[in-house]
């Protein structure tokens, strides 16, 4: 049986610290977060290494890509997992070196699953969705500013014209980016887009977002895993006779996609028979309107997983074993 050497890596913008296991504990070394720095790190790795790091967005992508290019096992873990592991180990001090050691220890104890780097299409879609999200935030902020200035008794004509031009520009860029996302999704994931948009309530925008978030539905083996990843699963706490609480959704994952699914759920109540039945049944049982809509959002995820898994378009009213 091959014995793996787990290397913990704490990544920051300009550098990363690696923790190597030794007979007496761990030793750490810092490397620049550059192509040459990563290659020096790769040369320092012992045989049968398994690198473990937290998901830190774009800062870790170069390291992740070059490690996989060198055929070195690497795992990308949710920072919350590392945080809770540190609490379990009663860690009271936080430095980059200590974090790297804790990540290495986490790898040894938990044996995390190797990370599968997204396809080029998924990487491009993620970038476009990030830009689209920021453009929409800027548009909302500019519209709010326009309304605030309009309430003044005397408005500066130059400021007014500048804001109007900015709003027009942002709307054009948003429309262009949405079109590019849809076109790329239809080109690279045509079959999945067709299947997903056959579900009443799921638009091209949401279909593309689901494909991006799930790596073309390759990252998860069940609809429940997708719901948990997106933060739509309800929390539940039970202990003895004193604690029995059904809490709010866990709110992990992509906040933007979660809000899109919530809006889609509101729409699907009117046009999707299964979603309407779910909503009406839960409301009749006393469920709050918001809680019932969240349940409908989960229903949409199950329907999406079903059509992709069965490779069959959605039939309104049909009851699947996945749904």
C-alpha atoms as a PDB file:
ATOM      1  CA  UNK A   1       0.000   0.000   0.000  1.00  0.00           C
ATOM      2  CA  UNK A   2       1.363   3.415  -1.013  1.00  0.00           C
ATOM      3  CA  UNK A   3       1.864   5.825   1.888  1.00  0.00           C
ATOM      4  CA  UNK A   4       1.055   9.396   0.891  1.00  0.00           C
ATOM      5  CA  UNK A   5       2.924  12.412   2.216  1.00  0.00           C
ATOM      6  CA  UNK A   6       0.411  15.196   2.839  1.00  0.00           C
ATOM      7  CA  UNK A   7       1.708  18.707   2.212  1.00  0.00           C
ATOM      8  CA  UNK A   8      -0.364  21.561   3.654  1.00  0.00           C
ATOM      9  CA  UNK A   9      -0.363  24.824   1.704  1.00  0.00           C
ATOM     10  CA  UNK A  10      -1.556  28.224   2.900  1.00  0.00           C
ATOM     11  CA  UNK A  11      -1.976  30.505  -0.140  1.00  0.00           C
ATOM     12  CA  UNK A  12      -1.972  34.297  -0.240  1.00  0.00           C
ATOM     13  CA  UNK A  13      -1.798  36.805  -3.090  1.00  0.00           C
ATOM     14  CA  UNK A  14       1.993  37.094  -3.423  1.00  0.00           C
ATOM     15  CA  UNK A  15       3.266  33.909  -1.774  1.00  0.00           C
ATOM     16  CA  UNK A  16       2.308  30.575  -0.259  1.00  0.00           C
ATOM     17  CA  UNK A  17       3.660  28.589   2.670  1.00  0.00           C
ATOM     18  CA  UNK A  18       4.044  24.811   2.483  1.00  0.00           C
ATOM     19  CA  UNK A  19       4.194  22.540   5.547  1.00  0.00           C
ATOM     20  CA  UNK A  20       6.195  19.306   5.179  1.00  0.00           C
ATOM     21  CA  UNK A  21       5.832  16.462   7.717  1.00  0.00           C
ATOM     22  CA  UNK A  22       8.982  15.421   9.583  1.00  0.00           C
ATOM     23  CA  UNK A  23       9.732  12.906  12.311  1.00  0.00           C
ATOM     24  CA  UNK A  24       9.407  15.624  14.960  1.00  0.00           C
ATOM     25  CA  UNK A  25       6.413  17.451  13.492  1.00  0.00           C
ATOM     26  CA  UNK A  26       6.364  19.849  10.530  1.00  0.00           C
ATOM     27  CA  UNK A  27       8.737  22.194   8.795  1.00  0.00           C
ATOM     28  CA  UNK A  28       7.546  25.118   6.683  1.00  0.00           C
ATOM     29  CA  UNK A  29       8.923  26.972   3.679  1.00  0.00           C
ATOM     30  CA  UNK A  30       7.664  30.020   1.795  1.00  0.00           C
ATOM     31  CA  UNK A  31       7.533  30.318  -2.009  1.00  0.00           C
ATOM     32  CA  UNK A  32       6.553  33.198  -4.329  1.00  0.00           C
ATOM     33  CA  UNK A  33       3.109  32.690  -5.847  1.00  0.00           C
ATOM     34  CA  UNK A  34       4.569  32.813  -9.351  1.00  0.00           C
ATOM     35  CA  UNK A  35       5.260  30.255 -12.070  1.00  0.00           C
ATOM     36  CA  UNK A  36       8.928  29.959 -11.072  1.00  0.00           C
ATOM     37  CA  UNK A  37       8.010  29.803  -7.373  1.00  0.00           C
ATOM     38  CA  UNK A  38       5.506  27.004  -7.931  1.00  0.00           C
ATOM     39  CA  UNK A  39       8.023  25.044  -9.991  1.00  0.00           C
ATOM     40  CA  UNK A  40      10.610  25.342  -7.214  1.00  0.00           C
ATOM     41  CA  UNK A  41       7.986  24.072  -4.795  1.00  0.00           C
ATOM     42  CA  UNK A  42       7.194  21.104  -7.051  1.00  0.00           C
ATOM     43  CA  UNK A  43      10.894  20.186  -7.143  1.00  0.00           C
ATOM     44  CA  UNK A  44      10.946  20.194  -3.318  1.00  0.00           C
ATOM     45  CA  UNK A  45       8.132  17.661  -2.987  1.00  0.00           C
ATOM     46  CA  UNK A  46       8.921  14.137  -1.787  1.00  0.00           C
ATOM     47  CA  UNK A  47       7.698  11.117  -3.736  1.00  0.00           C
ATOM     48  CA  UNK A  48       3.979  10.253  -3.496  1.00  0.00           C
ATOM     49  CA  UNK A  49       2.957  13.711  -2.314  1.00  0.00           C
ATOM     50  CA  UNK A  50      -0.655  14.815  -1.886  1.00  0.00           C
ATOM     51  CA  UNK A  51      -0.976  18.597  -1.610  1.00  0.00           C
ATOM     52  CA  UNK A  52      -3.904  20.086   0.317  1.00  0.00           C
ATOM     53  CA  UNK A  53      -5.019  23.729   0.257  1.00  0.00           C
ATOM     54  CA  UNK A  54      -8.011  25.902   1.034  1.00  0.00           C
ATOM     55  CA  UNK A  55     -10.145  27.342  -1.755  1.00  0.00           C
ATOM     56  CA  UNK A  56      -8.884  30.931  -2.009  1.00  0.00           C
ATOM     57  CA  UNK A  57     -10.328  31.991  -5.344  1.00  0.00           C
ATOM     58  CA  UNK A  58      -7.973  33.178  -8.073  1.00  0.00           C
ATOM     59  CA  UNK A  59      -4.888  33.256  -5.838  1.00  0.00           C
ATOM     60  CA  UNK A  60      -4.635  29.469  -5.770  1.00  0.00           C
ATOM     61  CA  UNK A  61      -5.442  28.780  -9.441  1.00  0.00           C
ATOM     62  CA  UNK A  62      -1.853  29.008 -10.768  1.00  0.00           C
ATOM     63  CA  UNK A  63      -0.601  26.639  -8.069  1.00  0.00           C
ATOM     64  CA  UNK A  64      -3.495  24.264  -8.666  1.00  0.00           C
ATOM     65  CA  UNK A  65      -2.996  24.240 -12.436  1.00  0.00           C
ATOM     66  CA  UNK A  66       0.774  23.626 -12.328  1.00  0.00           C
ATOM     67  CA  UNK A  67       0.434  20.873  -9.705  1.00  0.00           C
ATOM     68  CA  UNK A  68      -2.098  19.013 -11.822  1.00  0.00           C
ATOM     69  CA  UNK A  69       0.042  19.573 -14.930  1.00  0.00           C
ATOM     70  CA  UNK A  70       2.879  17.857 -13.039  1.00  0.00           C
ATOM     71  CA  UNK A  71       0.541  14.931 -12.172  1.00  0.00           C
ATOM     72  CA  UNK A  72       0.711  15.667  -8.435  1.00  0.00           C
ATOM     73  CA  UNK A  73      -2.361  14.907  -6.348  1.00  0.00           C
ATOM     74  CA  UNK A  74      -3.944  18.053  -4.954  1.00  0.00           C
ATOM     75  CA  UNK A  75      -7.109  18.666  -2.942  1.00  0.00           C
ATOM     76  CA  UNK A  76      -8.995  21.970  -2.716  1.00  0.00           C
ATOM     77  CA  UNK A  77     -10.994  22.111   0.522  1.00  0.00           C
ATOM     78  CA  UNK A  78     -13.713  24.440   1.774  1.00  0.00           C
ATOM     79  CA  UNK A  79     -12.141  26.881   4.308  1.00  0.00           C
ATOM     80  CA  UNK A  80     -14.972  26.074   6.747  1.00  0.00           C
ATOM     81  CA  UNK A  81     -13.764  22.470   6.941  1.00  0.00           C
ATOM     82  CA  UNK A  82     -10.261  23.610   7.883  1.00  0.00           C
ATOM     83  CA  UNK A  83     -11.670  26.122  10.361  1.00  0.00           C
ATOM     84  CA  UNK A  84     -13.739  23.488  12.166  1.00  0.00           C
ATOM     85  CA  UNK A  85     -10.797  21.061  12.100  1.00  0.00           C
ATOM     86  CA  UNK A  86      -8.618  23.715  13.767  1.00  0.00           C
ATOM     87  CA  UNK A  87     -11.254  24.102  16.497  1.00  0.00           C
ATOM     88  CA  UNK A  88     -11.347  20.337  17.005  1.00  0.00           C
ATOM     89  CA  UNK A  89      -7.555  20.396  17.430  1.00  0.00           C
ATOM     90  CA  UNK A  90      -7.979  23.206  20.032  1.00  0.00           C
ATOM     91  CA  UNK A  91      -5.819  25.568  17.992  1.00  0.00           C
ATOM     92  CA  UNK A  92      -5.722  29.043  19.575  1.00  0.00           C
ATOM     93  CA  UNK A  93      -3.050  30.719  17.451  1.00  0.00           C
ATOM     94  CA  UNK A  94      -3.415  31.708  13.818  1.00  0.00           C
ATOM     95  CA  UNK A  95      -0.426  32.414  11.565  1.00  0.00           C
ATOM     96  CA  UNK A  96       0.288  31.402   7.986  1.00  0.00           C
ATOM     97  CA  UNK A  97       2.796  28.783   9.178  1.00  0.00           C
ATOM     98  CA  UNK A  98       0.364  27.301  11.696  1.00  0.00           C
ATOM     99  CA  UNK A  99      -2.428  27.290   9.095  1.00  0.00           C
ATOM    100  CA  UNK A 100      -0.202  25.363   6.660  1.00  0.00           C
ATOM    101  CA  UNK A 101       0.606  22.803   9.379  1.00  0.00           C
ATOM    102  CA  UNK A 102      -3.077  22.415  10.262  1.00  0.00           C
ATOM    103  CA  UNK A 103      -3.949  21.880   6.599  1.00  0.00           C
ATOM    104  CA  UNK A 104      -1.259  19.178   6.339  1.00  0.00           C
ATOM    105  CA  UNK A 105      -2.632  17.530   9.488  1.00  0.00           C
ATOM    106  CA  UNK A 106      -6.151  17.791   8.059  1.00  0.00           C
ATOM    107  CA  UNK A 107      -4.961  15.945   4.947  1.00  0.00           C
ATOM    108  CA  UNK A 108      -3.453  13.123   7.024  1.00  0.00           C
ATOM    109  CA  UNK A 109      -6.563  12.697   9.156  1.00  0.00           C
ATOM    110  CA  UNK A 110      -9.298  13.251   6.579  1.00  0.00           C
ATOM    111  CA  UNK A 111      -7.723  11.937   3.347  1.00  0.00           C
ATOM    112  CA  UNK A 112      -9.541  14.488   1.120  1.00  0.00           C
ATOM    113  CA  UNK A 113     -10.651  13.682  -2.422  1.00  0.00           C
ATOM    114  CA  UNK A 114      -8.335  14.949  -5.201  1.00  0.00           C
ATOM    115  CA  UNK A 115      -9.593  18.068  -6.944  1.00  0.00           C
ATOM    116  CA  UNK A 116     -10.631  17.927 -10.573  1.00  0.00           C
ATOM    117  CA  UNK A 117      -9.732  21.142 -12.360  1.00  0.00           C
ATOM    118  CA  UNK A 118     -12.641  22.604 -14.371  1.00  0.00           C
ATOM    119  CA  UNK A 119     -12.646  22.499 -18.155  1.00  0.00           C
ATOM    120  CA  UNK A 120     -11.587  25.592 -20.080  1.00  0.00           C
ATOM    121  CA  UNK A 121     -15.236  26.318 -20.929  1.00  0.00           C
ATOM    122  CA  UNK A 122     -16.257  26.241 -17.261  1.00  0.00           C
ATOM    123  CA  UNK A 123     -13.357  28.532 -16.327  1.00  0.00           C
ATOM    124  CA  UNK A 124     -14.414  31.039 -19.000  1.00  0.00           C
ATOM    125  CA  UNK A 125     -18.057  30.858 -17.930  1.00  0.00           C
ATOM    126  CA  UNK A 126     -17.104  31.482 -14.306  1.00  0.00           C
ATOM    127  CA  UNK A 127     -15.141  34.580 -15.274  1.00  0.00           C
ATOM    128  CA  UNK A 128     -18.007  35.906 -17.359  1.00  0.00           C
ATOM    129  CA  UNK A 129     -20.517  35.275 -14.555  1.00  0.00           C
ATOM    130  CA  UNK A 130     -18.250  37.100 -12.079  1.00  0.00           C
ATOM    131  CA  UNK A 131     -18.011  40.117 -14.389  1.00  0.00           C
ATOM    132  CA  UNK A 132     -21.779  40.025 -15.011  1.00  0.00           C
ATOM    133  CA  UNK A 133     -22.476  39.962 -11.285  1.00  0.00           C
ATOM    134  CA  UNK A 134     -20.240  42.999 -10.707  1.00  0.00           C
ATOM    135  CA  UNK A 135     -21.814  44.902 -13.619  1.00  0.00           C
ATOM    136  CA  UNK A 136     -25.268  44.338 -12.139  1.00  0.00           C
ATOM    137  CA  UNK A 137     -24.074  45.568  -8.740  1.00  0.00           C
ATOM    138  CA  UNK A 138     -22.681  48.703 -10.366  1.00  0.00           C
ATOM    139  CA  UNK A 139     -25.935  49.247 -12.237  1.00  0.00           C
ATOM    140  CA  UNK A 140     -27.976  48.948  -9.047  1.00  0.00           C
ATOM    141  CA  UNK A 141     -25.676  51.383  -7.231  1.00  0.00           C
ATOM    142  CA  UNK A 142     -25.835  53.886 -10.110  1.00  0.00           C
ATOM    143  CA  UNK A 143     -29.639  53.655 -10.326  1.00  0.00           C
ATOM    144  CA  UNK A 144     -29.846  54.311  -6.580  1.00  0.00           C
ATOM    145  CA  UNK A 145     -27.584  57.338  -7.017  1.00  0.00           C
ATOM    146  CA  UNK A 146     -29.785  58.607  -9.844  1.00  0.00           C
ATOM    147  CA  UNK A 147     -32.872  58.378  -7.641  1.00  0.00           C
ATOM    148  CA  UNK A 148     -31.104  60.102  -4.744  1.00  0.00           C
ATOM    149  CA  UNK A 149     -29.998  63.037  -6.899  1.00  0.00           C
ATOM    150  CA  UNK A 150     -33.425  63.322  -8.513  1.00  0.00           C
ATOM    151  CA  UNK A 151     -34.890  64.060  -5.081  1.00  0.00           C
ATOM    152  CA  UNK A 152     -32.765  67.226  -4.710  1.00  0.00           C
ATOM    153  CA  UNK A 153     -34.428  70.618  -5.392  1.00  0.00           C
ATOM    154  CA  UNK A 154     -31.633  71.596  -7.806  1.00  0.00           C
ATOM    155  CA  UNK A 155     -29.841  68.940  -9.891  1.00  0.00           C
ATOM    156  CA  UNK A 156     -26.510  69.476 -11.678  1.00  0.00           C
ATOM    157  CA  UNK A 157     -27.043  68.896 -15.440  1.00  0.00           C
ATOM    158  CA  UNK A 158     -23.539  67.481 -15.937  1.00  0.00           C
ATOM    159  CA  UNK A 159     -23.932  64.980 -13.108  1.00  0.00           C
ATOM    160  CA  UNK A 160     -27.343  63.964 -14.412  1.00  0.00           C
ATOM    161  CA  UNK A 161     -26.019  63.404 -17.956  1.00  0.00           C
ATOM    162  CA  UNK A 162     -23.002  61.457 -16.667  1.00  0.00           C
ATOM    163  CA  UNK A 163     -25.194  59.122 -14.628  1.00  0.00           C
ATOM    164  CA  UNK A 164     -27.559  58.562 -17.553  1.00  0.00           C
ATOM    165  CA  UNK A 165     -24.631  57.690 -19.849  1.00  0.00           C
ATOM    166  CA  UNK A 166     -23.196  55.346 -17.218  1.00  0.00           C
ATOM    167  CA  UNK A 167     -26.536  53.564 -16.802  1.00  0.00           C
ATOM    168  CA  UNK A 168     -26.879  53.186 -20.570  1.00  0.00           C
ATOM    169  CA  UNK A 169     -23.320  51.840 -20.835  1.00  0.00           C
ATOM    170  CA  UNK A 170     -23.799  49.343 -17.992  1.00  0.00           C
ATOM    171  CA  UNK A 171     -27.056  48.051 -19.453  1.00  0.00           C
ATOM    172  CA  UNK A 172     -25.387  47.489 -22.816  1.00  0.00           C
ATOM    173  CA  UNK A 173     -22.459  45.656 -21.205  1.00  0.00           C
ATOM    174  CA  UNK A 174     -24.806  43.492 -19.119  1.00  0.00           C
ATOM    175  CA  UNK A 175     -26.835  42.572 -22.196  1.00  0.00           C
ATOM    176  CA  UNK A 176     -23.653  41.772 -24.123  1.00  0.00           C
ATOM    177  CA  UNK A 177     -22.228  39.624 -21.303  1.00  0.00           C
ATOM    178  CA  UNK A 178     -25.506  37.713 -20.854  1.00  0.00           C
ATOM    179  CA  UNK A 179     -25.552  37.023 -24.584  1.00  0.00           C
ATOM    180  CA  UNK A 180     -21.939  35.775 -24.512  1.00  0.00           C
ATOM    181  CA  UNK A 181     -22.675  33.474 -21.566  1.00  0.00           C
ATOM    182  CA  UNK A 182     -25.716  32.021 -23.301  1.00  0.00           C
ATOM    183  CA  UNK A 183     -23.856  31.573 -26.600  1.00  0.00           C
ATOM    184  CA  UNK A 184     -20.858  29.867 -24.945  1.00  0.00           C
ATOM    185  CA  UNK A 185     -23.140  27.615 -22.899  1.00  0.00           C
ATOM    186  CA  UNK A 186     -25.160  26.641 -25.973  1.00  0.00           C
ATOM    187  CA  UNK A 187     -21.962  25.955 -27.923  1.00  0.00           C
ATOM    188  CA  UNK A 188     -20.168  23.838 -25.304  1.00  0.00           C
ATOM    189  CA  UNK A 189     -23.145  22.376 -23.405  1.00  0.00           C
ATOM    190  CA  UNK A 190     -25.897  22.400 -26.010  1.00  0.00           C
ATOM    191  CA  UNK A 191     -27.530  19.170 -24.883  1.00  0.00           C
ATOM    192  CA  UNK A 192     -27.593  20.172 -21.204  1.00  0.00           C
ATOM    193  CA  UNK A 193     -28.926  23.646 -22.009  1.00  0.00           C
ATOM    194  CA  UNK A 194     -31.749  22.108 -24.052  1.00  0.00           C
ATOM    195  CA  UNK A 195     -32.632  19.658 -21.280  1.00  0.00           C
ATOM    196  CA  UNK A 196     -32.514  22.247 -18.496  1.00  0.00           C
ATOM    197  CA  UNK A 197     -34.566  24.877 -20.319  1.00  0.00           C
ATOM    198  CA  UNK A 198     -37.251  22.261 -20.966  1.00  0.00           C
ATOM    199  CA  UNK A 199     -38.082  22.699 -17.270  1.00  0.00           C
ATOM    200  CA  UNK A 200     -40.691  25.419 -16.837  1.00  0.00           C
ATOM    201  CA  UNK A 201     -39.119  28.070 -14.638  1.00  0.00           C
ATOM    202  CA  UNK A 202     -35.492  27.567 -15.675  1.00  0.00           C
ATOM    203  CA  UNK A 203     -34.268  30.191 -18.137  1.00  0.00           C
ATOM    204  CA  UNK A 204     -31.120  30.225 -20.257  1.00  0.00           C
ATOM    205  CA  UNK A 205     -29.427  32.345 -17.587  1.00  0.00           C
ATOM    206  CA  UNK A 206     -30.156  29.916 -14.750  1.00  0.00           C
ATOM    207  CA  UNK A 207     -29.387  26.862 -16.900  1.00  0.00           C
ATOM    208  CA  UNK A 208     -25.979  28.309 -17.724  1.00  0.00           C
ATOM    209  CA  UNK A 209     -25.375  29.202 -14.068  1.00  0.00           C
ATOM    210  CA  UNK A 210     -26.213  25.653 -12.950  1.00  0.00           C
ATOM    211  CA  UNK A 211     -23.865  24.176 -15.556  1.00  0.00           C
ATOM    212  CA  UNK A 212     -21.085  26.521 -14.424  1.00  0.00           C
ATOM    213  CA  UNK A 213     -21.586  25.820 -10.714  1.00  0.00           C
ATOM    214  CA  UNK A 214     -21.705  22.039 -11.157  1.00  0.00           C
ATOM    215  CA  UNK A 215     -19.011  21.697 -13.807  1.00  0.00           C
ATOM    216  CA  UNK A 216     -21.530  20.457 -16.315  1.00  0.00           C
ATOM    217  CA  UNK A 217     -23.142  18.295 -13.598  1.00  0.00           C
ATOM    218  CA  UNK A 218     -19.902  16.327 -13.082  1.00  0.00           C
ATOM    219  CA  UNK A 219     -19.063  17.437  -9.519  1.00  0.00           C
ATOM    220  CA  UNK A 220     -22.046  15.901  -7.727  1.00  0.00           C
ATOM    221  CA  UNK A 221     -23.724  12.497  -7.647  1.00  0.00           C
ATOM    222  CA  UNK A 222     -27.106  13.611  -6.298  1.00  0.00           C
ATOM    223  CA  UNK A 223     -29.471  16.583  -6.343  1.00  0.00           C
ATOM    224  CA  UNK A 224     -29.156  16.834  -2.561  1.00  0.00           C
ATOM    225  CA  UNK A 225     -25.413  17.416  -2.879  1.00  0.00           C
ATOM    226  CA  UNK A 226     -26.084  20.270  -5.305  1.00  0.00           C
ATOM    227  CA  UNK A 227     -28.646  21.819  -2.924  1.00  0.00           C
ATOM    228  CA  UNK A 228     -26.194  21.557  -0.047  1.00  0.00           C
ATOM    229  CA  UNK A 229     -23.423  23.096  -2.152  1.00  0.00           C
ATOM    230  CA  UNK A 230     -25.654  26.012  -3.171  1.00  0.00           C
ATOM    231  CA  UNK A 231     -26.784  26.618   0.413  1.00  0.00           C
ATOM    232  CA  UNK A 232     -30.438  25.671  -0.067  1.00  0.00           C
ATOM    233  CA  UNK A 233     -30.562  22.774   2.396  1.00  0.00           C
ATOM    234  CA  UNK A 234     -32.334  23.509   5.701  1.00  0.00           C
ATOM    235  CA  UNK A 235     -30.329  23.101   8.901  1.00  0.00           C
ATOM    236  CA  UNK A 236     -31.535  20.897  11.749  1.00  0.00           C
ATOM    237  CA  UNK A 237     -30.322  20.630  15.342  1.00  0.00           C
ATOM    238  CA  UNK A 238     -31.437  17.886  17.729  1.00  0.00           C
ATOM    239  CA  UNK A 239     -29.911  16.831  21.027  1.00  0.00           C
ATOM    240  CA  UNK A 240     -31.728  14.965  23.767  1.00  0.00           C
ATOM    241  CA  UNK A 241     -35.040  16.546  24.754  1.00  0.00           C
ATOM    242  CA  UNK A 242     -33.890  20.158  25.101  1.00  0.00           C
ATOM    243  CA  UNK A 243     -32.809  20.946  21.522  1.00  0.00           C
ATOM    244  CA  UNK A 244     -34.995  20.252  18.514  1.00  0.00           C
ATOM    245  CA  UNK A 245     -34.638  23.135  16.075  1.00  0.00           C
ATOM    246  CA  UNK A 246     -35.309  23.306  12.358  1.00  0.00           C
ATOM    247  CA  UNK A 247     -33.269  26.306  11.312  1.00  0.00           C
ATOM    248  CA  UNK A 248     -32.741  28.382   8.206  1.00  0.00           C
ATOM    249  CA  UNK A 249     -30.991  27.250   5.036  1.00  0.00           C
ATOM    250  CA  UNK A 250     -27.226  26.848   5.381  1.00  0.00           C
ATOM    251  CA  UNK A 251     -26.438  29.655   2.869  1.00  0.00           C
ATOM    252  CA  UNK A 252     -23.213  28.125   1.546  1.00  0.00           C
ATOM    253  CA  UNK A 253     -22.007  28.483  -2.015  1.00  0.00           C
ATOM    254  CA  UNK A 254     -22.992  30.964  -4.710  1.00  0.00           C
ATOM    255  CA  UNK A 255     -25.218  33.687  -3.224  1.00  0.00           C
ATOM    256  CA  UNK A 256     -26.024  35.106  -6.657  1.00  0.00           C
ATOM    257  CA  UNK A 257     -27.182  31.758  -8.076  1.00  0.00           C
ATOM    258  CA  UNK A 258     -29.164  31.042  -4.912  1.00  0.00           C
ATOM    259  CA  UNK A 259     -31.071  34.308  -5.320  1.00  0.00           C
ATOM    260  CA  UNK A 260     -31.661  33.519  -9.008  1.00  0.00           C
ATOM    261  CA  UNK A 261     -33.109  30.124  -8.084  1.00  0.00           C
ATOM    262  CA  UNK A 262     -35.361  31.786  -5.498  1.00  0.00           C
ATOM    263  CA  UNK A 263     -36.763  34.136  -8.175  1.00  0.00           C
ATOM    264  CA  UNK A 264     -37.126  31.196 -10.585  1.00  0.00           C
ATOM    265  CA  UNK A 265     -39.033  29.280  -7.905  1.00  0.00           C
ATOM    266  CA  UNK A 266     -41.486  32.162  -7.575  1.00  0.00           C
ATOM    267  CA  UNK A 267     -42.070  32.031 -11.330  1.00  0.00           C
ATOM    268  CA  UNK A 268     -42.294  28.226 -11.512  1.00  0.00           C
ATOM    269  CA  UNK A 269     -45.208  28.185  -9.054  1.00  0.00           C
ATOM    270  CA  UNK A 270     -47.350  29.606 -11.848  1.00  0.00           C
ATOM    271  CA  UNK A 271     -46.118  27.483 -14.774  1.00  0.00           C
ATOM    272  CA  UNK A 272     -44.621  24.255 -13.374  1.00  0.00           C
ATOM    273  CA  UNK A 273     -47.252  21.759 -12.174  1.00  0.00           C
ATOM    274  CA  UNK A 274     -44.956  19.848  -9.797  1.00  0.00           C
ATOM    275  CA  UNK A 275     -43.594  23.062  -8.277  1.00  0.00           C
ATOM    276  CA  UNK A 276     -47.099  24.487  -7.865  1.00  0.00           C
ATOM    277  CA  UNK A 277     -48.243  21.277  -6.142  1.00  0.00           C
ATOM    278  CA  UNK A 278     -45.242  21.399  -3.787  1.00  0.00           C
ATOM    279  CA  UNK A 279     -45.870  25.034  -2.899  1.00  0.00           C
ATOM    280  CA  UNK A 280     -49.615  24.616  -2.312  1.00  0.00           C
ATOM    281  CA  UNK A 281     -49.148  21.434  -0.269  1.00  0.00           C
ATOM    282  CA  UNK A 282     -46.574  23.029   2.030  1.00  0.00           C
ATOM    283  CA  UNK A 283     -48.609  26.199   2.455  1.00  0.00           C
ATOM    284  CA  UNK A 284     -51.670  24.120   3.355  1.00  0.00           C
ATOM    285  CA  UNK A 285     -49.589  22.451   6.079  1.00  0.00           C
ATOM    286  CA  UNK A 286     -48.723  25.848   7.564  1.00  0.00           C
ATOM    287  CA  UNK A 287     -45.312  26.376   5.972  1.00  0.00           C
ATOM    288  CA  UNK A 288     -44.346  30.023   5.550  1.00  0.00           C
ATOM    289  CA  UNK A 289     -44.419  31.479   2.055  1.00  0.00           C
ATOM    290  CA  UNK A 290     -40.634  31.955   1.994  1.00  0.00           C
ATOM    291  CA  UNK A 291     -40.013  28.443   3.309  1.00  0.00           C
ATOM    292  CA  UNK A 292     -42.310  26.959   0.680  1.00  0.00           C
ATOM    293  CA  UNK A 293     -40.535  28.877  -2.093  1.00  0.00           C
ATOM    294  CA  UNK A 294     -37.167  27.571  -0.899  1.00  0.00           C
ATOM    295  CA  UNK A 295     -38.616  24.062  -1.059  1.00  0.00           C
ATOM    296  CA  UNK A 296     -39.708  24.799  -4.644  1.00  0.00           C
ATOM    297  CA  UNK A 297     -36.158  25.962  -5.453  1.00  0.00           C
ATOM    298  CA  UNK A 298     -34.930  22.585  -4.214  1.00  0.00           C
ATOM    299  CA  UNK A 299     -37.593  20.963  -6.393  1.00  0.00           C
ATOM    300  CA  UNK A 300     -36.176  22.755  -9.429  1.00  0.00           C
ATOM    301  CA  UNK A 301     -32.704  21.442  -8.604  1.00  0.00           C
ATOM    302  CA  UNK A 302     -34.054  17.898  -8.367  1.00  0.00           C
ATOM    303  CA  UNK A 303     -35.835  18.319 -11.700  1.00  0.00           C
ATOM    304  CA  UNK A 304     -32.620  19.664 -13.257  1.00  0.00           C
ATOM    305  CA  UNK A 305     -30.602  16.732 -11.928  1.00  0.00           C
ATOM    306  CA  UNK A 306     -33.261  14.308 -13.185  1.00  0.00           C
ATOM    307  CA  UNK A 307     -33.314  15.557 -16.787  1.00  0.00           C
ATOM    308  CA  UNK A 308     -29.511  15.562 -16.975  1.00  0.00           C
ATOM    309  CA  UNK A 309     -29.191  12.098 -15.404  1.00  0.00           C
ATOM    310  CA  UNK A 310     -31.926  10.552 -17.549  1.00  0.00           C
ATOM    311  CA  UNK A 311     -30.923  12.555 -20.638  1.00  0.00           C
ATOM    312  CA  UNK A 312     -34.616  13.235 -21.262  1.00  0.00           C
ATOM    313  CA  UNK A 313     -36.409  16.597 -21.486  1.00  0.00           C
ATOM    314  CA  UNK A 314     -38.754  17.545 -18.699  1.00  0.00           C
ATOM    315  CA  UNK A 315     -42.429  16.581 -19.000  1.00  0.00           C
ATOM    316  CA  UNK A 316     -44.616  18.770 -16.828  1.00  0.00           C
ATOM    317  CA  UNK A 317     -46.488  16.620 -14.321  1.00  0.00           C
ATOM    318  CA  UNK A 318     -44.303  13.537 -14.850  1.00  0.00           C
ATOM    319  CA  UNK A 319     -43.063  12.031 -11.575  1.00  0.00           C
ATOM    320  CA  UNK A 320     -39.435  10.853 -11.724  1.00  0.00           C
ATOM    321  CA  UNK A 321     -37.638   8.686  -9.216  1.00  0.00           C
ATOM    322  CA  UNK A 322     -35.221  11.616  -8.765  1.00  0.00           C
ATOM    323  CA  UNK A 323     -37.919  14.220  -8.180  1.00  0.00           C
END
